Amino acid sequence: MKKRPIIIDTDPGIDDALAIAIALFSEELDVKLITTVAGNVSLENVTLNTLRLLNFFGKDVPVAKGAEKPLIVEFVDASNVHGKTGMEGYDFPEPKEELLLSEHAVNAMRRVIMESEEPITLVPIATLTNIALLFAMYPEVKSNIKEIVMMGGSAARGNKGVMSEFNIATDPEAAQMVFQSGVPIVMAGLDVGLKALVMPEDSEEIKQMGKVGDMAYHLFKKYRGGSFSTGLKMYDSCAIAYLLCPELYNVEETYVGVELRGTMTTGCTVVDLRGYLKREPNAKVCMDIDGKKFREWFKESIAKCI
């Protein structure tokens, strides 16, 4: 089987850690590069977390540090959800520093994309600052990008602002640049993330799935993305699930814009399902997910992380 080449742009983060694990151990995906961006916690912490995860997983994937703050707005992290370091609750090995590239994430992405024999899929599961900078500095990369499969946005309400999802609201200007880039986009946002749950009985099963399952269980105990007793939301794994099992989703092709000047709605992804804005579709939006099948897929995927 020919693997699909991807670049993961991330800010681990507890749910990021499990999404990265599933991608790294998948027989269908070839993770060419992991880039980091300030988001859930600071750039330094998310980069250290990425290097620790790679050592823990026993995987040698190059890592490049990206943007330490949004393009314009002030940076506000999500340490209230993920803990101060982003991955508290488990004793990870030392970071595998030799995997960290000296070049900036944007330059590393350009190099990997342009050198690839087949189009690369970008998988941003964090704020979109790095991707916006990539397109602004090196628009030629668009010709060798298959699509962007992202976790972020919402067709309904938000989880950072009233109408804004965290990854988009953290850098709304970057998000608008990406949605206007002309590159095919799949948006897996809160609409599916809120239903992509790991329930208490799932956590107990996962705990027995080798060292990755044990790690996941201990991180889950610290995670505030939902409740350990009523269901934890695996937002970022939704992007990986789309790559591997798109049949889990109900998808609408439509126009998505990002509100930049709303006095109460900045960072809102305006998903124009009824065509009010009279604009051509620029994204496939995941509107619903089969939650039961996602849970089974998630457990099966973690079980393969050996």
Foldseek 3Di string as FASTA:
>chain_A
DDAAEAEEEEQADLLVLLLVLLQVLDPRHDHQEYEYEQAQAFQVLSQFVVQLSCVVLVHQHAYAYEYRAAPDDGADHNCVFQNHSRQPQDDTDGGPVVSYDPDHPLVVVQVVLVPDPAAYEYEYAAAQRSVLVNCVVPVVSLVRHQAYQYEAADQAAEDPARQAHRNCLRHVVSVQSVLPSLGEYAYQYPLAQVLQWQALVNLVVLCPLPPLSVSSSRSLCRGRQPDNHGTHGSRSSVSVCCVVPVVQFDKDFFRWGADCDDPRRHNHIHGCRPCPVVDHGRYIYGNYGDNVVSSVVSSVSSSSSD
